[in-house]
Protein backbone atom coordinates (compact mmCIF):
# COMPACT_ATOMS: atom_id res chain seq x y z
CA MET A 1 -32.24 31.28 33.04
CA SER A 2 -30.39 34.58 33.27
CA PHE A 3 -31.92 37.49 35.14
CA GLU A 4 -30.60 40.97 34.49
CA VAL A 5 -32.39 43.96 35.95
CA ASP A 6 -31.20 47.24 37.37
CA PRO A 7 -30.32 46.73 41.07
CA ARG A 8 -32.34 49.77 42.11
CA THR A 9 -35.37 48.55 40.20
CA ALA A 10 -35.04 45.13 41.84
CA LEU A 11 -34.76 46.63 45.31
CA ASN A 12 -37.59 49.10 44.78
CA LYS A 13 -39.88 46.31 43.60
CA LEU A 14 -38.78 43.32 45.63
CA ALA A 15 -37.63 45.14 48.75
CA PHE A 16 -38.60 48.23 50.72
CA GLY A 17 -36.16 50.28 48.63
CA PRO A 18 -32.40 50.24 48.13
CA SER A 19 -30.00 50.39 51.07
CA ASP A 20 -26.23 50.59 50.91
CA PRO A 21 -25.68 46.98 52.13
CA ASP A 22 -28.27 45.54 49.76
CA LEU A 23 -26.98 47.50 46.78
CA ALA A 24 -23.46 46.23 47.53
CA THR A 25 -24.73 42.66 47.86
CA ILE A 26 -26.78 42.65 44.66
CA ARG A 27 -23.97 44.28 42.64
CA LYS A 28 -21.48 41.74 43.93
CA MET A 29 -23.52 38.55 43.45
CA GLY A 30 -25.82 39.62 40.61
CA THR A 31 -29.58 40.04 40.65
CA GLY A 32 -30.23 36.41 39.74
CA ALA A 33 -28.27 35.02 42.69
CA TRP A 34 -29.78 37.66 44.99
CA LEU A 35 -33.29 36.70 43.86
CA ALA A 36 -32.58 33.00 44.40
CA GLN A 37 -31.53 33.77 47.99
CA GLN A 38 -34.57 35.95 48.63
CA LEU A 39 -36.95 33.25 47.41
CA LYS A 40 -35.63 30.84 50.08
CA PRO A 41 -35.25 32.75 53.30
CA PRO A 42 -34.49 30.85 56.51
CA PRO A 43 -37.36 30.45 58.95
CA GLU A 44 -35.53 32.45 61.61
CA ASP A 45 -36.44 36.09 62.19
CA ASP A 46 -33.25 38.09 61.59
CA CYS A 47 -34.79 41.12 63.32
CA ARG A 48 -35.62 39.32 66.55
CA ASP A 49 -32.84 41.03 68.49
CA ALA A 50 -33.95 44.50 67.31
CA ILE A 51 -37.57 43.66 68.18
CA ASN A 52 -36.52 42.37 71.61
CA ALA A 53 -34.74 45.63 72.29
CA THR A 54 -37.73 47.84 71.37
CA ARG A 55 -40.18 49.15 73.93
CA LEU A 56 -43.32 51.25 73.56
CA ARG A 57 -45.07 53.32 76.21
CA LEU A 58 -48.18 51.75 77.73
CA LYS A 59 -50.11 53.85 80.15
CA TYR A 60 -53.62 53.53 81.56
CA SER A 61 -55.40 54.28 84.79
CA SER A 62 -57.46 51.92 86.93
CA LYS A 63 -60.00 52.08 89.76
CA THR A 64 -57.31 50.72 92.04
CA PRO A 65 -53.91 52.46 92.06
CA GLU A 66 -52.00 49.18 92.22
CA ALA A 67 -53.53 48.13 88.86
CA GLU A 68 -52.44 51.28 87.02
CA VAL A 69 -49.82 50.86 84.35
CA ASP A 70 -47.22 53.41 83.18
CA GLU A 71 -44.26 51.62 81.65
CA ASP A 72 -42.16 51.00 78.57
CA ARG A 73 -43.53 47.63 77.50
CA PRO A 74 -41.29 45.36 75.32
CA ILE A 75 -42.87 44.62 71.97
CA SER A 76 -41.27 41.18 72.21
CA VAL A 77 -44.58 40.06 73.74
CA ILE A 78 -45.54 39.23 70.14
CA PHE A 79 -43.36 36.13 70.32
CA ARG A 80 -45.50 34.59 73.05
CA PRO A 81 -48.10 31.93 72.16
CA ILE A 82 -51.76 32.85 71.69
CA GLU A 83 -52.80 31.23 74.98
CA GLU A 84 -50.64 33.82 76.78
CA HIS A 85 -52.23 36.70 74.85
CA TRP A 86 -55.69 35.30 75.49
CA LYS A 87 -55.25 36.01 79.19
CA THR A 88 -55.88 39.66 78.34
CA VAL A 89 -59.45 38.80 77.25
CA GLY A 90 -62.14 39.80 79.67
CA LYS A 91 -63.73 42.88 81.18
CA GLU A 92 -61.45 42.75 84.18
CA VAL A 93 -58.43 43.43 81.90
CA PRO A 94 -58.20 46.97 80.46
CA GLY A 95 -58.61 47.20 76.68
CA GLN A 96 -55.25 48.90 76.32
CA GLU A 97 -53.60 45.56 77.03
CA ARG A 98 -55.32 44.03 74.03
CA SER A 99 -54.76 47.03 71.76
CA PHE A 100 -51.06 47.03 72.62
CA LEU A 101 -50.64 43.69 70.85
CA ARG A 102 -51.70 45.23 67.55
CA THR A 103 -49.38 48.17 68.16
CA ALA A 104 -46.50 45.82 68.91
CA VAL A 105 -47.00 43.84 65.68
CA ALA A 106 -47.14 47.11 63.73
CA ALA A 107 -43.90 48.26 65.34
CA ALA A 108 -42.20 44.98 64.54
CA THR A 109 -43.41 45.38 60.93
CA LEU A 110 -41.65 48.74 60.68
CA ILE A 111 -38.43 47.27 62.05
CA ARG A 112 -38.43 44.40 59.59
CA ALA A 113 -39.30 46.56 56.63
CA VAL A 114 -36.20 48.68 57.21
CA HIS A 115 -33.73 46.23 58.69
CA SER A 116 -34.53 42.72 57.55
CA ARG A 117 -32.09 41.09 55.14
CA TRP A 118 -34.95 39.06 53.68
CA GLN A 119 -36.71 41.92 52.01
CA LEU A 120 -38.77 39.96 49.52
CA ARG A 121 -40.36 38.04 52.35
CA GLU A 122 -41.33 41.33 53.99
CA VAL A 123 -42.86 42.63 50.73
CA LEU A 124 -44.92 39.46 50.36
CA VAL A 125 -45.94 39.48 54.05
CA ASP A 126 -47.38 42.94 53.43
CA PHE A 127 -49.16 41.63 50.30
CA TRP A 128 -50.72 38.65 52.05
CA HIS A 129 -51.79 40.67 55.09
CA ASN A 130 -53.80 42.78 52.66
CA HIS A 131 -55.12 39.78 50.72
CA PHE A 132 -56.22 38.04 53.93
CA ASN A 133 -57.11 41.27 55.72
CA VAL A 134 -58.29 41.36 59.37
CA ASN A 135 -59.09 44.49 61.32
CA ALA A 136 -57.24 44.49 64.65
CA VAL A 137 -58.14 48.13 65.38
CA GLY A 138 -61.90 47.63 65.08
CA ASP A 139 -61.97 44.48 67.24
CA GLN A 140 -59.69 44.00 70.22
CA LEU A 141 -60.12 40.23 70.08
CA VAL A 142 -58.55 40.30 66.62
CA ALA A 143 -55.73 42.34 68.12
CA VAL A 144 -55.20 39.57 70.69
CA ALA A 145 -54.95 37.01 67.91
CA LEU A 146 -52.85 39.18 65.60
CA PRO A 147 -49.31 38.22 66.78
CA THR A 148 -50.01 34.53 66.07
CA TYR A 149 -51.75 35.34 62.81
CA ASP A 150 -48.74 37.36 61.69
CA SER A 151 -46.09 34.81 62.66
CA ASP A 152 -47.75 31.43 62.21
CA VAL A 153 -50.06 32.15 59.27
CA ILE A 154 -48.87 35.00 57.08
CA ARG A 155 -45.09 34.89 57.63
CA ARG A 156 -44.83 31.12 57.67
CA HIS A 157 -46.63 30.71 54.36
CA ALA A 158 -45.73 33.93 52.46
CA LEU A 159 -43.52 32.07 49.99
CA GLY A 160 -45.06 28.63 50.47
CA ASN A 161 -48.08 26.73 49.20
CA PHE A 162 -51.37 28.56 48.73
CA ARG A 163 -53.61 25.62 49.72
CA GLU A 164 -51.68 25.24 53.00
CA MET A 165 -51.93 28.96 53.54
CA LEU A 166 -55.69 28.88 52.96
CA GLU A 167 -56.18 26.31 55.75
CA ALA A 168 -53.87 28.25 58.09
CA VAL A 169 -56.01 31.34 57.53
CA ALA A 170 -59.28 29.41 57.88
CA THR A 171 -58.21 27.95 61.21
CA SER A 172 -56.68 31.14 62.58
CA ALA A 173 -58.31 32.81 65.54
CA ALA A 174 -57.94 36.21 63.87
CA MET A 175 -60.01 35.25 60.82
CA LEU A 176 -62.51 33.19 62.79
CA ILE A 177 -63.17 36.23 64.99
CA TYR A 178 -63.08 38.85 62.23
CA LEU A 179 -65.54 37.08 59.96
CA ASN A 180 -67.63 35.50 62.71
CA GLY A 181 -66.71 31.92 61.86
CA ARG A 182 -66.26 30.94 65.50
CA SER A 183 -69.97 31.43 66.13
CA SER A 184 -71.17 29.56 63.06
CA ARG A 185 -73.34 26.54 63.90
CA GLY A 186 -75.26 23.89 62.06
CA GLY A 187 -78.70 25.27 61.31
CA ALA A 188 -77.45 28.85 61.65
CA ALA A 189 -74.32 29.00 59.51
CA ASN A 190 -72.69 32.41 59.31
CA GLU A 191 -71.94 33.26 55.66
CA ASN A 192 -69.29 35.94 56.19
CA TYR A 193 -66.22 33.74 55.84
CA GLY A 194 -67.72 31.68 53.01
CA ARG A 195 -68.44 34.91 51.08
CA GLU A 196 -65.00 36.39 51.50
CA LEU A 197 -63.31 33.02 50.84
CA PHE A 198 -64.82 33.04 47.35
CA GLU A 199 -64.87 36.75 46.61
CA LEU A 200 -61.60 37.98 48.12
CA HIS A 201 -59.38 35.04 49.03
CA THR A 202 -59.75 32.73 46.01
CA LEU A 203 -61.95 32.92 42.87
CA GLY A 204 -62.44 36.67 43.10
CA ARG A 205 -65.31 39.02 42.30
CA PRO A 206 -65.02 38.52 38.51
CA ALA A 207 -65.99 34.87 39.02
CA TYR A 208 -69.20 35.76 40.87
CA LEU A 209 -71.92 34.77 38.39
CA ASN A 210 -75.10 35.15 40.47
CA ALA A 211 -76.33 38.03 38.30
CA LEU A 212 -76.45 35.59 35.36
CA TYR A 213 -77.39 32.32 37.03
CA ASN A 214 -79.20 31.48 40.23
CA LYS A 215 -79.10 27.71 40.06
CA TRP A 216 -75.87 25.75 40.25
CA ARG A 217 -76.57 23.55 37.22
CA GLU A 218 -76.99 26.64 35.00
CA VAL A 219 -73.40 27.81 35.57
CA PRO A 220 -71.29 27.00 32.48
CA GLY A 221 -69.27 23.83 33.04
CA ALA A 222 -71.18 22.83 36.22
CA LEU A 223 -72.73 19.73 34.73
CA GLN A 224 -69.25 18.55 33.76
CA GLY A 225 -68.04 19.19 37.30
CA HIS A 226 -66.02 22.29 36.37
CA PRO A 227 -68.11 25.44 36.92
CA GLU A 228 -66.55 28.61 35.53
CA GLY A 229 -67.46 30.59 38.63
CA TYR A 230 -69.54 30.64 41.80
CA ILE A 231 -73.04 31.78 42.84
CA ASP A 232 -74.72 32.43 46.18
CA GLN A 233 -75.66 28.76 46.52
CA ASP A 234 -71.95 27.93 46.68
CA VAL A 235 -71.44 30.51 49.42
CA TYR A 236 -74.34 29.16 51.49
CA GLU A 237 -73.18 25.56 51.16
CA ALA A 238 -69.56 26.44 51.92
CA ALA A 239 -70.70 28.22 55.07
CA ARG A 240 -72.35 25.01 56.20
CA ALA A 241 -69.14 23.08 55.47
CA PHE A 242 -67.19 25.29 57.90
CA THR A 243 -69.59 25.00 60.83
CA GLY A 244 -67.81 23.62 63.86
CA TRP A 245 -64.52 25.36 63.03
CA THR A 246 -64.09 27.53 66.09
CA ILE A 247 -61.69 28.56 68.83
CA GLU A 248 -61.25 27.67 72.45
CA ASP A 249 -63.07 30.66 73.91
CA GLY A 250 -64.96 29.08 76.78
CA ALA A 251 -68.19 28.57 74.81
CA GLY A 252 -70.63 25.98 76.02
CA ILE A 253 -70.66 22.73 74.04
CA GLY A 254 -73.55 21.01 75.71
CA ALA A 255 -74.19 18.82 78.75
CA GLY A 256 -72.76 21.51 81.00
CA ARG A 257 -69.36 21.35 79.29
CA HIS A 258 -67.34 24.31 78.03
CA LEU A 259 -64.40 24.80 75.74
CA PRO A 260 -61.06 25.73 77.31
CA VAL A 261 -60.11 29.40 77.18
CA THR A 262 -56.91 29.57 75.12
CA GLY A 263 -57.81 31.24 71.79
CA LYS A 264 -56.47 28.22 69.94
CA PHE A 265 -58.33 26.58 67.02
CA THR A 266 -60.57 23.63 67.70
CA TYR A 267 -63.25 21.64 65.91
CA VAL A 268 -66.53 20.90 67.66
CA GLU A 269 -68.45 18.08 66.08
CA THR A 270 -71.75 19.05 67.72
CA PHE A 271 -71.51 22.49 66.06
CA HIS A 272 -71.13 21.00 62.58
CA ASP A 273 -73.87 20.61 59.93
CA ASN A 274 -73.33 16.99 58.96
CA TYR A 275 -75.88 16.79 56.16
CA GLN A 276 -75.10 16.57 52.42
CA LYS A 277 -73.85 19.62 50.61
CA ARG A 278 -72.94 20.79 47.12
CA VAL A 279 -70.16 23.28 46.44
CA LEU A 280 -68.89 24.22 42.98
CA ALA A 281 -71.00 21.38 41.44
CA THR A 282 -69.33 18.84 43.72
CA GLU A 283 -71.52 16.61 45.93
CA PHE A 284 -70.52 16.18 49.58
CA ASP A 285 -71.84 13.04 51.23
CA PRO A 286 -73.31 13.40 54.73
CA TYR A 287 -71.46 12.53 57.92
CA GLN A 288 -67.93 12.95 56.69
CA PRO A 289 -64.88 12.74 59.08
CA PRO A 290 -64.07 15.77 61.25
CA MET A 291 -63.22 18.91 59.23
CA ALA A 292 -63.46 16.97 55.94
CA ASP A 293 -66.26 19.18 54.53
CA GLY A 294 -64.34 22.40 55.09
CA ARG A 295 -61.07 20.98 53.83
CA ARG A 296 -62.78 19.79 50.66
CA VAL A 297 -64.08 23.32 50.05
CA LEU A 298 -60.53 24.61 50.46
CA ASP A 299 -59.31 21.99 47.93
CA LEU A 300 -61.95 23.04 45.42
CA VAL A 301 -61.33 26.77 45.61
CA ALA A 302 -57.52 26.42 45.71
CA ASP A 303 -57.53 24.37 42.52
CA HIS A 304 -60.09 26.43 40.62
CA PRO A 305 -58.74 28.18 37.51
CA ALA A 306 -60.39 31.45 38.55
CA THR A 307 -58.35 31.46 41.75
CA ALA A 308 -55.12 31.20 39.77
CA ARG A 309 -56.21 34.13 37.59
CA PHE A 310 -57.39 36.27 40.48
CA VAL A 311 -54.45 35.78 42.84
CA CYS A 312 -51.81 35.90 40.09
CA GLY A 313 -53.40 39.10 38.80
CA LYS A 314 -53.08 40.66 42.23
CA LEU A 315 -49.44 39.55 42.52
CA CYS A 316 -48.67 41.09 39.13
CA ARG A 317 -50.35 44.33 40.16
CA ARG A 318 -48.31 44.52 43.33
CA LEU A 319 -44.96 43.60 41.79
CA VAL A 320 -45.25 45.11 38.31
CA SER A 321 -48.01 47.66 37.55
CA ASP A 322 -51.65 48.56 38.01
CA ASN A 323 -52.52 47.15 34.58
CA PRO A 324 -50.18 44.21 33.98
CA ASP A 325 -49.82 42.72 30.52
CA PRO A 326 -52.35 39.83 30.15
CA ALA A 327 -49.49 37.70 28.78
CA LEU A 328 -47.62 38.16 32.08
CA VAL A 329 -50.66 37.18 34.09
CA ASN A 330 -51.20 34.13 31.90
CA ALA A 331 -47.56 33.09 32.37
CA ALA A 332 -47.93 33.45 36.14
CA VAL A 333 -51.19 31.45 36.09
CA LYS A 334 -49.43 28.64 34.20
CA VAL A 335 -46.70 28.34 36.83
CA TRP A 336 -49.16 28.73 39.71
CA SER A 337 -51.36 25.90 38.36
CA GLU A 338 -48.53 23.55 37.42
CA GLU A 339 -46.80 23.99 40.78
CA ARG A 340 -49.94 24.00 42.96
CA ARG A 341 -48.83 20.88 44.86
CA LYS A 342 -45.31 22.15 45.51
CA PRO A 343 -44.39 23.49 48.97
CA ASP A 344 -42.91 26.62 47.39
CA GLN A 345 -45.69 27.26 44.87
CA ILE A 346 -45.89 30.97 45.68
CA ALA A 347 -42.12 31.45 45.45
CA ARG A 348 -42.05 29.75 42.00
CA THR A 349 -44.87 31.99 40.78
CA VAL A 350 -43.19 35.13 42.08
CA GLU A 351 -39.96 34.08 40.36
CA ALA A 352 -41.82 33.70 37.05
CA ILE A 353 -43.25 37.20 37.41
CA VAL A 354 -39.92 38.78 38.37
CA ARG A 355 -37.97 37.14 35.53
CA SER A 356 -40.35 38.53 32.89
CA ASP A 357 -39.64 41.35 30.48
CA ALA A 358 -42.68 43.17 31.86
CA PHE A 359 -41.07 43.27 35.31
CA ARG A 360 -37.75 44.41 33.91
CA ARG A 361 -39.45 47.38 32.21
CA SER A 362 -41.72 48.30 35.14
CA GLY A 363 -39.47 50.57 37.16
CA GLY A 364 -41.48 53.56 38.47
CA ALA A 365 -44.83 52.09 37.50
CA LYS A 366 -46.21 51.85 41.06
CA VAL A 367 -46.74 54.62 43.64
CA LYS A 368 -45.22 53.78 47.02
CA ARG A 369 -47.77 53.29 49.73
CA PRO A 370 -46.95 54.99 53.06
CA LEU A 371 -45.25 51.91 54.56
CA GLU A 372 -43.09 51.60 51.46
CA LEU A 373 -42.36 55.35 51.44
CA TYR A 374 -41.37 55.35 55.12
CA ALA A 375 -39.16 52.26 54.81
CA SER A 376 -37.50 53.25 51.51
CA PHE A 377 -36.62 56.72 52.89
CA ALA A 378 -35.26 55.26 56.13
CA ARG A 379 -33.17 52.71 54.19
CA ALA A 380 -31.82 55.23 51.68
CA ALA A 381 -31.17 58.01 54.20
CA THR A 382 -29.65 55.56 56.70
CA ILE A 383 -32.11 56.21 59.52
CA PRO A 384 -31.67 53.46 62.16
CA VAL A 385 -35.39 53.40 62.88
CA THR A 386 -36.68 52.45 66.29
CA PRO A 387 -40.47 52.70 66.15
CA THR A 388 -42.26 55.09 68.47
CA LEU A 389 -45.94 55.72 69.16
CA GLY A 390 -45.65 59.06 67.36
CA LEU A 391 -44.31 57.43 64.18
CA LEU A 392 -46.96 54.72 64.31
CA GLY A 393 -49.64 57.40 64.75
CA GLU A 394 -48.38 59.31 61.74
CA LEU A 395 -48.47 56.20 59.60
CA ASP A 396 -51.98 55.46 60.84
CA GLY A 397 -53.05 58.93 59.70
CA SER A 398 -51.36 58.59 56.33
CA GLY A 399 -54.05 56.25 54.99
CA GLN A 400 -52.30 52.96 55.66
CA ARG A 401 -53.23 51.95 59.17
CA LEU A 402 -51.41 48.67 59.62
CA PHE A 403 -53.79 45.86 60.51
CA GLY A 404 -56.59 48.39 60.88
CA TRP A 405 -58.33 48.51 57.50
CA GLY A 406 -62.05 48.04 58.15
CA PRO A 407 -63.42 46.18 55.11
CA PRO A 408 -62.07 42.70 54.38
CA THR A 409 -60.73 43.97 51.01
CA GLY A 410 -57.45 45.22 52.49
CA HIS A 411 -55.77 48.51 51.55
CA PRO A 412 -56.22 49.56 47.91
CA ASP A 413 -53.34 48.66 45.59
CA ASP A 414 -53.90 51.14 42.77
CA ASN A 415 -52.00 54.36 42.21
CA ASP A 416 -55.00 56.71 42.05
CA TYR A 417 -56.01 56.02 45.68
CA TRP A 418 -52.67 57.18 47.02
CA LEU A 419 -52.40 60.34 44.90
CA SER A 420 -55.18 62.57 46.28
CA SER A 421 -54.15 66.03 47.50
CA ASN A 422 -54.70 65.01 51.15
CA MET A 423 -52.68 61.85 50.71
CA MET A 424 -49.80 63.78 49.13
CA ARG A 425 -49.77 66.28 51.99
CA ARG A 426 -49.60 63.47 54.55
CA ARG A 427 -46.78 61.79 52.58
CA TRP A 428 -44.71 64.97 52.61
CA GLU A 429 -45.33 65.44 56.33
CA LEU A 430 -44.17 61.84 56.94
CA LEU A 431 -40.92 62.49 55.08
CA LEU A 432 -40.20 65.80 56.80
CA GLY A 433 -40.97 64.33 60.19
CA LEU A 434 -38.70 61.35 59.60
CA SER A 435 -35.86 63.53 58.34
CA ASN A 436 -36.18 65.95 61.25
CA ASP A 437 -36.62 63.09 63.75
CA VAL A 438 -39.89 64.58 64.97
CA TRP A 439 -41.00 61.23 66.46
CA LYS A 440 -37.59 60.33 67.94
CA ALA A 441 -37.38 57.25 65.72
CA GLY A 442 -33.73 57.93 64.85
CA PRO A 443 -31.65 60.62 63.09
CA THR A 444 -30.63 60.44 59.47
CA HIS A 445 -26.90 59.81 59.19
CA ALA A 446 -26.91 60.81 55.49
CA ALA A 447 -27.44 64.45 56.39
CA THR A 448 -23.84 64.88 57.52
CA ALA A 449 -22.45 64.22 54.05
CA VAL A 450 -24.97 66.65 52.57
CA ALA A 451 -24.05 69.40 55.07
CA ASP A 452 -20.37 69.18 54.02
CA LYS A 453 -21.01 70.50 50.51
CA ALA A 454 -19.78 73.96 49.54
CA THR A 455 -23.03 75.24 47.96
CA ALA A 456 -26.74 74.47 48.27
CA GLU A 457 -26.80 73.14 44.68
CA GLU A 458 -24.05 70.65 45.55
CA ALA A 459 -25.89 69.67 48.73
CA VAL A 460 -29.06 68.93 46.76
CA SER A 461 -27.03 66.95 44.22
CA VAL A 462 -25.50 64.77 46.94
CA ALA A 463 -28.84 64.24 48.66
CA HIS A 464 -30.53 63.30 45.40
CA HIS A 465 -27.76 60.87 44.55
CA ARG A 466 -27.99 59.31 48.00
CA LEU A 467 -31.73 58.64 47.56
CA LEU A 468 -31.99 57.89 43.87
CA GLY A 469 -28.50 56.97 42.66
CA VAL A 470 -28.35 59.85 40.11
CA GLU A 471 -27.56 63.53 40.17
CA ALA A 472 -30.53 65.85 40.59
CA PRO A 473 -31.76 67.23 37.25
CA PRO A 474 -31.02 70.97 37.10
CA PRO A 475 -34.75 71.97 37.24
CA VAL A 476 -35.23 69.83 40.34
CA ALA A 477 -32.13 71.21 42.05
CA ARG A 478 -33.17 74.79 41.30
CA ALA A 479 -36.72 74.15 42.54
CA ILE A 480 -35.48 72.77 45.87
CA VAL A 481 -32.89 75.55 46.36
CA ASP A 482 -35.41 78.27 45.52
CA GLY A 483 -38.18 76.68 47.54
CA MET A 484 -35.99 76.66 50.63
CA GLY A 485 -35.14 80.31 50.18
CA LEU A 486 -31.47 79.61 49.60
CA LYS A 487 -29.37 81.68 47.22
CA PRO A 488 -27.63 79.87 44.37
CA GLY A 489 -23.85 79.76 44.71
CA MET A 490 -23.81 81.04 48.29
CA PRO A 491 -21.63 79.10 50.79
CA PHE A 492 -23.51 76.27 52.44
CA ASP A 493 -21.12 74.17 54.55
CA THR A 494 -20.13 77.17 56.69
CA ARG A 495 -23.71 77.92 57.73
CA LYS A 496 -24.60 77.22 61.35
CA ASP A 497 -27.87 75.66 60.18
CA ALA A 498 -26.26 73.48 57.45
CA LEU A 499 -27.16 70.21 59.19
CA PRO A 500 -30.88 70.90 59.77
CA LEU A 501 -31.11 72.33 56.24
CA SER A 502 -29.50 69.16 54.95
CA ARG A 503 -32.18 67.07 56.62
CA GLN A 504 -34.82 69.14 54.90
CA ILE A 505 -33.04 68.81 51.55
CA LEU A 506 -33.17 65.02 51.91
CA ALA A 507 -36.87 65.19 52.58
CA TYR A 508 -37.48 67.45 49.60
CA CYS A 509 -35.54 65.13 47.36
CA ALA A 510 -37.77 62.30 48.61
CA MET A 511 -40.81 64.34 47.71
CA THR A 512 -39.86 64.34 44.03
CA PRO A 513 -41.91 62.10 41.73
CA ALA A 514 -38.85 59.94 41.02
CA PHE A 515 -38.63 58.84 44.67
CA GLN A 516 -42.39 58.51 45.21
CA VAL A 517 -42.62 55.57 42.82
CA ARG A 518 -41.11 52.14 42.70
């Protein structure tokens, strides 16, 4: 099946914006071949060398001078196994050590968004981190588990099979800590994970039918074994099914015994509620094999038609528009359901969405969130970004604190949220700061070509073309020239301040509505 779409549209939607190398690649091989490559990235991290070379300042005091730290710490610590990170747990280790792990993952995310060749994977990693949100800022134990969650759960499964991803999430230390699953016991099951599994991870809020029915047999389709949605009884029973799913955190397990202290997943039979259960009109016999109850819940929710509708709807909103055509969602649901046993189920569904007419026509339909705005500007303006604490802090303040959104919903994915007056001001400050290298993340090499132009109008035209691939419309060019206090037609390249002015021109071009959307 042929796939023809404007290269810039493809790179704005399926990547963190166009870059010169990616534009050259996609124009040479065609969007269809480029898409096929992107859907099957190698498991290796092509940004590992850049991550290994990046350090961030870590400084904290201590009661004893020999325990004080003031150093440039490599962010490559994220590649270590969770049992190494878990050594930072405990009152005797300063909290900054735990918080640094979240900062390091955020910094690696910025590097990959700008520099990775496998851009579609990075876009989907961002999507799934929001879908399976954990808050590593609000809980330092989540921060300790975040590197493994990012690498072994989200990245490993971003283009894979959803059912496999569900179990990877359910057994991850990050989610077990965030939603209190590790402390859930038979007779005192914690409902947090069960609730979010149904409401946010799978069937979705539209399938919550408790306002209409409060007994399982009343739910339409339940007596035939195919309930249309879920009610609170399903949440309670699912919570019981996941008791015993915990982590090796040193907890007592009876008879004077304790779990190891590694942070790794484990199943404790004595913590599990072994009695019969009923989830989504399906009877669970008592005393099933280890983890069988929880895995059966994951099977039921992964295969439920409401899950296909909910997750495919979110994918269409991320990749296409806030209000995707129902026909597009239905087409994605069809592929999702038919391919649900395939190891690349997600990739096949994404391909169906991307090859649609709705996707082809959707250029400019979505507002860039701060991460997308940062990365797309860096890629277009050829800024060889090396993350710094200042840059990370600015992104945190922009409304998209990476891995630090409090509620389990993840960051909003609708245009209105990102278009408030305060949000716009922070977006402009982010662009100006990047262009002027305020946070020492790297200078823009594109400014040199802008500074060589004879007049300010020509400089604006070159900058606009660099970022957007087209000449600046005359009203836009005039607005930028006038706004900067420059006189039309006056010499520009001979000015002593031509280079710093050129950096500002690039930022102003990025502030235009055409660049703010994807």
